[in-house]
PDB file of all heavy atoms in Angstrom:
ATOM      1  N   GLU A   1      11.127 -18.711  20.345  1.00  0.00           N
ATOM      2  CA  GLU A   1       9.812 -19.143  20.825  1.00  0.00           C
ATOM      3  C   GLU A   1       9.017 -19.851  19.737  1.00  0.00           C
ATOM      4  O   GLU A   1       8.060 -20.563  20.033  1.00  0.00           O
ATOM      5  CB  GLU A   1       9.016 -17.930  21.329  1.00  0.00           C
ATOM      6  CG  GLU A   1       9.581 -17.305  22.594  1.00  0.00           C
ATOM      7  CD  GLU A   1       9.456 -18.215  23.801  1.00  0.00           C
ATOM      8  OE1 GLU A   1       8.596 -19.117  23.770  1.00  0.00           O
ATOM      9  OE2 GLU A   1      10.231 -18.039  24.757  1.00  0.00           O
ATOM     10  N   GLN A   2       9.388 -19.643  18.464  1.00  0.00           N
ATOM     11  CA  GLN A   2       8.659 -20.294  17.385  1.00  0.00           C
ATOM     12  C   GLN A   2       8.806 -21.807  17.413  1.00  0.00           C
ATOM     13  O   GLN A   2       8.089 -22.509  16.711  1.00  0.00           O
ATOM     14  CB  GLN A   2       9.113 -19.761  16.020  1.00  0.00           C
ATOM     15  CG  GLN A   2       8.485 -18.429  15.668  1.00  0.00           C
ATOM     16  CD  GLN A   2       8.748 -18.054  14.229  1.00  0.00           C
ATOM     17  OE1 GLN A   2       9.796 -17.545  13.886  1.00  0.00           O
ATOM     18  NE2 GLN A   2       7.780 -18.311  13.383  1.00  0.00           N
ATOM     19  N   ARG A   3       9.717 -22.294  18.241  1.00  0.00           N
ATOM     20  CA  ARG A   3       9.799 -23.742  18.404  1.00  0.00           C
ATOM     21  C   ARG A   3       8.543 -24.279  19.074  1.00  0.00           C
ATOM     22  O   ARG A   3       8.218 -25.450  18.941  1.00  0.00           O
ATOM     23  CB  ARG A   3      11.044 -24.106  19.222  1.00  0.00           C
ATOM     24  CG  ARG A   3      12.339 -23.906  18.452  1.00  0.00           C
ATOM     25  CD  ARG A   3      13.487 -24.586  19.169  1.00  0.00           C
ATOM     26  NE  ARG A   3      13.792 -23.920  20.437  1.00  0.00           N
ATOM     27  CZ  ARG A   3      14.697 -22.955  20.555  1.00  0.00           C
ATOM     28  NH1 ARG A   3      15.369 -22.545  19.499  1.00  0.00           N
ATOM     29  NH2 ARG A   3      14.944 -22.417  21.727  1.00  0.00           N
ATOM     30  N   ALA A   4       7.836 -23.396  19.821  1.00  0.00           N
ATOM     31  CA  ALA A   4       6.546 -23.805  20.381  1.00  0.00           C
ATOM     32  C   ALA A   4       5.573 -24.035  19.238  1.00  0.00           C
ATOM     33  O   ALA A   4       5.537 -23.261  18.283  1.00  0.00           O
ATOM     34  CB  ALA A   4       6.012 -22.712  21.317  1.00  0.00           C
ATOM     35  N   PRO A   5       4.743 -25.079  19.290  1.00  0.00           N
ATOM     36  CA  PRO A   5       3.933 -25.487  18.145  1.00  0.00           C
ATOM     37  C   PRO A   5       3.008 -24.415  17.597  1.00  0.00           C
ATOM     38  O   PRO A   5       2.790 -24.338  16.404  1.00  0.00           O
ATOM     39  CB  PRO A   5       3.121 -26.675  18.690  1.00  0.00           C
ATOM     40  CG  PRO A   5       3.822 -27.130  19.915  1.00  0.00           C
ATOM     41  CD  PRO A   5       4.569 -25.957  20.447  1.00  0.00           C
ATOM     42  N   ARG A   6       2.446 -23.560  18.467  1.00  0.00           N
ATOM     43  CA  ARG A   6       1.387 -22.662  18.004  1.00  0.00           C
ATOM     44  C   ARG A   6       1.863 -21.250  17.756  1.00  0.00           C
ATOM     45  O   ARG A   6       1.116 -20.428  17.247  1.00  0.00           O
ATOM     46  CB  ARG A   6       0.243 -22.614  19.032  1.00  0.00           C
ATOM     47  CG  ARG A   6      -0.409 -23.933  19.288  1.00  0.00           C
ATOM     48  CD  ARG A   6      -1.681 -24.171  18.572  1.00  0.00           C
ATOM     49  NE  ARG A   6      -2.561 -23.049  18.420  1.00  0.00           N
ATOM     50  CZ  ARG A   6      -3.599 -23.074  17.609  1.00  0.00           C
ATOM     51  NH1 ARG A   6      -3.846 -24.137  16.888  1.00  0.00           N
ATOM     52  NH2 ARG A   6      -4.392 -22.042  17.498  1.00  0.00           N
ATOM     53  N   PHE A   7       3.099 -20.914  18.145  1.00  0.00           N
ATOM     54  CA  PHE A   7       3.503 -19.520  18.034  1.00  0.00           C
ATOM     55  C   PHE A   7       4.056 -19.208  16.656  1.00  0.00           C
ATOM     56  O   PHE A   7       4.965 -19.878  16.178  1.00  0.00           O
ATOM     57  CB  PHE A   7       4.542 -19.138  19.091  1.00  0.00           C
ATOM     58  CG  PHE A   7       4.945 -17.704  18.987  1.00  0.00           C
ATOM     59  CD1 PHE A   7       4.083 -16.714  19.428  1.00  0.00           C
ATOM     60  CD2 PHE A   7       6.136 -17.345  18.410  1.00  0.00           C
ATOM     61  CE1 PHE A   7       4.426 -15.376  19.299  1.00  0.00           C
ATOM     62  CE2 PHE A   7       6.483 -16.014  18.284  1.00  0.00           C
ATOM     63  CZ  PHE A   7       5.628 -15.033  18.736  1.00  0.00           C
ATOM     64  N   VAL A   8       3.502 -18.171  16.019  1.00  0.00           N
ATOM     65  CA  VAL A   8       3.960 -17.735  14.700  1.00  0.00           C
ATOM     66  C   VAL A   8       4.041 -16.212  14.708  1.00  0.00           C
ATOM     67  O   VAL A   8       3.103 -15.546  15.137  1.00  0.00           O
ATOM     68  CB  VAL A   8       2.992 -18.186  13.582  1.00  0.00           C
ATOM     69  CG1 VAL A   8       3.488 -17.704  12.223  1.00  0.00           C
ATOM     70  CG2 VAL A   8       2.849 -19.701  13.582  1.00  0.00           C
ATOM     71  N   VAL A   9       5.171 -15.653  14.279  1.00  0.00           N
ATOM     72  CA  VAL A   9       5.284 -14.200  14.159  1.00  0.00           C
ATOM     73  C   VAL A   9       4.403 -13.729  13.013  1.00  0.00           C
ATOM     74  O   VAL A   9       4.428 -14.294  11.926  1.00  0.00           O
ATOM     75  CB  VAL A   9       6.744 -13.787  13.919  1.00  0.00           C
ATOM     76  CG1 VAL A   9       6.848 -12.281  13.716  1.00  0.00           C
ATOM     77  CG2 VAL A   9       7.625 -14.205  15.098  1.00  0.00           C
ATOM     78  N   GLU A  10       3.637 -12.684  13.257  1.00  0.00           N
ATOM     79  CA  GLU A  10       2.683 -12.174  12.274  1.00  0.00           C
ATOM     80  C   GLU A  10       3.405 -11.630  11.041  1.00  0.00           C
ATOM     81  O   GLU A  10       4.231 -10.725  11.156  1.00  0.00           O
ATOM     82  CB  GLU A  10       1.855 -11.066  12.918  1.00  0.00           C
ATOM     83  CG  GLU A  10       0.792 -10.482  12.040  1.00  0.00           C
ATOM     84  CD  GLU A  10       0.065  -9.346  12.738  1.00  0.00           C
ATOM     85  OE1 GLU A  10       0.631  -8.781  13.693  1.00  0.00           O
ATOM     86  OE2 GLU A  10      -1.055  -9.034  12.329  1.00  0.00           O
ATOM     87  N   PRO A  11       3.121 -12.156   9.834  1.00  0.00           N
ATOM     88  CA  PRO A  11       3.782 -11.650   8.624  1.00  0.00           C
ATOM     89  C   PRO A  11       3.354 -10.219   8.309  1.00  0.00           C
ATOM     90  O   PRO A  11       2.217  -9.820   8.566  1.00  0.00           O
ATOM     91  CB  PRO A  11       3.298 -12.610   7.527  1.00  0.00           C
ATOM     92  CG  PRO A  11       2.721 -13.796   8.240  1.00  0.00           C
ATOM     93  CD  PRO A  11       2.224 -13.276   9.552  1.00  0.00           C
ATOM     94  N   ALA A  12       4.278  -9.447   7.727  1.00  0.00           N
ATOM     95  CA  ALA A  12       4.009  -8.040   7.415  1.00  0.00           C
ATOM     96  C   ALA A  12       2.891  -7.906   6.384  1.00  0.00           C
ATOM     97  O   ALA A  12       2.049  -7.008   6.492  1.00  0.00           O
ATOM     98  CB  ALA A  12       5.277  -7.356   6.917  1.00  0.00           C
ATOM     99  N   ASP A  13       2.867  -8.801   5.359  1.00  0.00           N
ATOM    100  CA  ASP A  13       1.834  -8.671   4.336  1.00  0.00           C
ATOM    101  C   ASP A  13       0.454  -8.972   4.898  1.00  0.00           C
ATOM    102  O   ASP A  13      -0.529  -8.351   4.518  1.00  0.00           O
ATOM    103  CB  ASP A  13       2.137  -9.583   3.133  1.00  0.00           C
ATOM    104  CG  ASP A  13       2.245 -11.044   3.514  1.00  0.00           C
ATOM    105  OD1 ASP A  13       2.465 -11.337   4.711  1.00  0.00           O
ATOM    106  OD2 ASP A  13       2.130 -11.903   2.609  1.00  0.00           O
ATOM    107  N   GLN A  14       0.399  -9.908   5.835  1.00  0.00           N
ATOM    108  CA  GLN A  14      -0.879 -10.206   6.489  1.00  0.00           C
ATOM    109  C   GLN A  14      -1.374  -9.009   7.280  1.00  0.00           C
ATOM    110  O   GLN A  14      -2.560  -8.680   7.276  1.00  0.00           O
ATOM    111  CB  GLN A  14      -0.707 -11.412   7.412  1.00  0.00           C
ATOM    112  CG  GLN A  14      -1.964 -11.824   8.164  1.00  0.00           C
ATOM    113  CD  GLN A  14      -1.736 -13.101   8.934  1.00  0.00           C
ATOM    114  OE1 GLN A  14      -1.706 -14.179   8.366  1.00  0.00           O
ATOM    115  NE2 GLN A  14      -1.555 -12.988  10.237  1.00  0.00           N
ATOM    116  N   ARG A  15      -0.465  -8.334   7.941  1.00  0.00           N
ATOM    117  CA  ARG A  15      -0.804  -7.137   8.698  1.00  0.00           C
ATOM    118  C   ARG A  15      -1.332  -6.042   7.772  1.00  0.00           C
ATOM    119  O   ARG A  15      -2.314  -5.364   8.095  1.00  0.00           O
ATOM    120  CB  ARG A  15       0.445  -6.640   9.447  1.00  0.00           C
ATOM    121  CG  ARG A  15       0.316  -5.259  10.056  1.00  0.00           C
ATOM    122  CD  ARG A  15      -0.539  -5.252  11.285  1.00  0.00           C
ATOM    123  NE  ARG A  15      -0.842  -3.897  11.710  1.00  0.00           N
ATOM    124  CZ  ARG A  15      -1.510  -3.576  12.800  1.00  0.00           C
ATOM    125  NH1 ARG A  15      -1.955  -4.521  13.593  1.00  0.00           N
ATOM    126  NH2 ARG A  15      -1.739  -2.335  13.095  1.00  0.00           N
ATOM    127  N   ARG A  16      -0.705  -5.880   6.607  1.00  0.00           N
ATOM    128  CA  ARG A  16      -1.146  -4.851   5.669  1.00  0.00           C
ATOM    129  C   ARG A  16      -2.564  -5.139   5.163  1.00  0.00           C
ATOM    130  O   ARG A  16      -3.385  -4.220   5.054  1.00  0.00           O
ATOM    131  CB  ARG A  16      -0.165  -4.753   4.498  1.00  0.00           C
ATOM    132  CG  ARG A  16       1.136  -4.052   4.823  1.00  0.00           C
ATOM    133  CD  ARG A  16       1.917  -3.735   3.570  1.00  0.00           C
ATOM    134  NE  ARG A  16       2.428  -4.944   2.951  1.00  0.00           N
ATOM    135  CZ  ARG A  16       3.606  -5.485   3.228  1.00  0.00           C
ATOM    136  NH1 ARG A  16       4.400  -4.919   4.128  1.00  0.00           N
ATOM    137  NH2 ARG A  16       4.015  -6.575   2.594  1.00  0.00           N
ATOM    138  N   VAL A  17      -2.841  -6.391   4.850  1.00  0.00           N
ATOM    139  CA  VAL A  17      -4.182  -6.755   4.374  1.00  0.00           C
ATOM    140  C   VAL A  17      -5.214  -6.503   5.477  1.00  0.00           C
ATOM    141  O   VAL A  17      -6.292  -5.969   5.224  1.00  0.00           O
ATOM    142  CB  VAL A  17      -4.213  -8.227   3.922  1.00  0.00           C
ATOM    143  CG1 VAL A  17      -5.649  -8.668   3.625  1.00  0.00           C
ATOM    144  CG2 VAL A  17      -3.342  -8.431   2.694  1.00  0.00           C
ATOM    145  N   THR A  18      -4.858  -6.865   6.703  1.00  0.00           N
ATOM    146  CA  THR A  18      -5.771  -6.646   7.827  1.00  0.00           C
ATOM    147  C   THR A  18      -6.042  -5.166   8.023  1.00  0.00           C
ATOM    148  O   THR A  18      -7.185  -4.757   8.267  1.00  0.00           O
ATOM    149  CB  THR A  18      -5.188  -7.242   9.120  1.00  0.00           C
ATOM    150  OG1 THR A  18      -4.834  -8.611   8.903  1.00  0.00           O
ATOM    151  CG2 THR A  18      -6.197  -7.170  10.256  1.00  0.00           C
ATOM    152  N   ASP A  19      -5.013  -4.337   7.921  1.00  0.00           N
ATOM    153  CA  ASP A  19      -5.196  -2.891   8.057  1.00  0.00           C
ATOM    154  C   ASP A  19      -6.115  -2.340   6.961  1.00  0.00           C
ATOM    155  O   ASP A  19      -6.967  -1.485   7.233  1.00  0.00           O
ATOM    156  CB  ASP A  19      -3.846  -2.175   8.004  1.00  0.00           C
ATOM    157  CG  ASP A  19      -3.088  -2.257   9.313  1.00  0.00           C
ATOM    158  OD1 ASP A  19      -3.705  -2.634  10.326  1.00  0.00           O
ATOM    159  OD2 ASP A  19      -1.874  -1.968   9.324  1.00  0.00           O
ATOM    160  N   ARG A  20      -5.932  -2.808   5.740  1.00  0.00           N
ATOM    161  CA  ARG A  20      -6.801  -2.362   4.642  1.00  0.00           C
ATOM    162  C   ARG A  20      -8.248  -2.786   4.899  1.00  0.00           C
ATOM    163  O   ARG A  20      -9.189  -2.017   4.653  1.00  0.00           O
ATOM    164  CB  ARG A  20      -6.298  -2.948   3.322  1.00  0.00           C
ATOM    165  CG  ARG A  20      -5.003  -2.327   2.817  1.00  0.00           C
ATOM    166  CD  ARG A  20      -4.417  -3.138   1.667  1.00  0.00           C
ATOM    167  NE  ARG A  20      -5.381  -3.286   0.569  1.00  0.00           N
ATOM    168  CZ  ARG A  20      -5.322  -4.253  -0.341  1.00  0.00           C
ATOM    169  NH1 ARG A  20      -4.360  -5.180  -0.274  1.00  0.00           N
ATOM    170  NH2 ARG A  20      -6.198  -4.299  -1.308  1.00  0.00           N
ATOM    171  N   PHE A  21      -8.425  -3.982   5.391  1.00  0.00           N
ATOM    172  CA  PHE A  21      -9.758  -4.490   5.721  1.00  0.00           C
ATOM    173  C   PHE A  21     -10.419  -3.616   6.793  1.00  0.00           C
ATOM    174  O   PHE A  21     -11.571  -3.180   6.655  1.00  0.00           O
ATOM    175  CB  PHE A  21      -9.638  -5.940   6.198  1.00  0.00           C
ATOM    176  CG  PHE A  21     -10.920  -6.559   6.694  1.00  0.00           C
ATOM    177  CD1 PHE A  21     -11.756  -7.246   5.824  1.00  0.00           C
ATOM    178  CD2 PHE A  21     -11.277  -6.481   8.038  1.00  0.00           C
ATOM    179  CE1 PHE A  21     -12.937  -7.835   6.281  1.00  0.00           C
ATOM    180  CE2 PHE A  21     -12.447  -7.052   8.501  1.00  0.00           C
ATOM    181  CZ  PHE A  21     -13.282  -7.732   7.615  1.00  0.00           C
ATOM    182  N   ILE A  22      -9.673  -3.345   7.869  1.00  0.00           N
ATOM    183  CA  ILE A  22     -10.205  -2.553   8.975  1.00  0.00           C
ATOM    184  C   ILE A  22     -10.500  -1.120   8.527  1.00  0.00           C
ATOM    185  O   ILE A  22     -11.558  -0.568   8.849  1.00  0.00           O
ATOM    186  CB  ILE A  22      -9.218  -2.571  10.161  1.00  0.00           C
ATOM    187  CG1 ILE A  22      -9.225  -3.955  10.817  1.00  0.00           C
ATOM    188  CG2 ILE A  22      -9.576  -1.484  11.182  1.00  0.00           C
ATOM    189  CD1 ILE A  22      -8.215  -4.111  11.933  1.00  0.00           C
ATOM    190  N   ASP A  23      -9.584  -0.503   7.797  1.00  0.00           N
ATOM    191  CA  ASP A  23      -9.786   0.878   7.342  1.00  0.00           C
ATOM    192  C   ASP A  23     -11.009   0.995   6.441  1.00  0.00           C
ATOM    193  O   ASP A  23     -11.784   1.957   6.545  1.00  0.00           O
ATOM    194  CB  ASP A  23      -8.544   1.376   6.601  1.00  0.00           C
ATOM    195  CG  ASP A  23      -7.376   1.653   7.530  1.00  0.00           C
ATOM    196  OD1 ASP A  23      -7.616   1.794   8.746  1.00  0.00           O
ATOM    197  OD2 ASP A  23      -6.234   1.717   7.054  1.00  0.00           O
ATOM    198  N   ALA A  24     -11.200   0.016   5.559  1.00  0.00           N
ATOM    199  CA  ALA A  24     -12.347   0.054   4.659  1.00  0.00           C
ATOM    200  C   ALA A  24     -13.649  -0.045   5.440  1.00  0.00           C
ATOM    201  O   ALA A  24     -14.609   0.698   5.184  1.00  0.00           O
ATOM    202  CB  ALA A  24     -12.255  -1.074   3.635  1.00  0.00           C
ATOM    203  N   CYS A  25     -13.699  -0.956   6.421  1.00  0.00           N
ATOM    204  CA  CYS A  25     -14.911  -1.098   7.243  1.00  0.00           C
ATOM    205  C   CYS A  25     -15.148   0.162   8.072  1.00  0.00           C
ATOM    206  O   CYS A  25     -16.272   0.676   8.137  1.00  0.00           O
ATOM    207  CB  CYS A  25     -14.790  -2.314   8.163  1.00  0.00           C
ATOM    208  SG  CYS A  25     -14.892  -3.917   7.334  1.00  0.00           S
TER     209      CYS A  25
END
């Protein structure tokens, strides 16, 4: 599906940063 222009699988490191952001807030 990544052949579709806008679809990107969420990177694991991005997910970790987002979790840290959410937990801190």
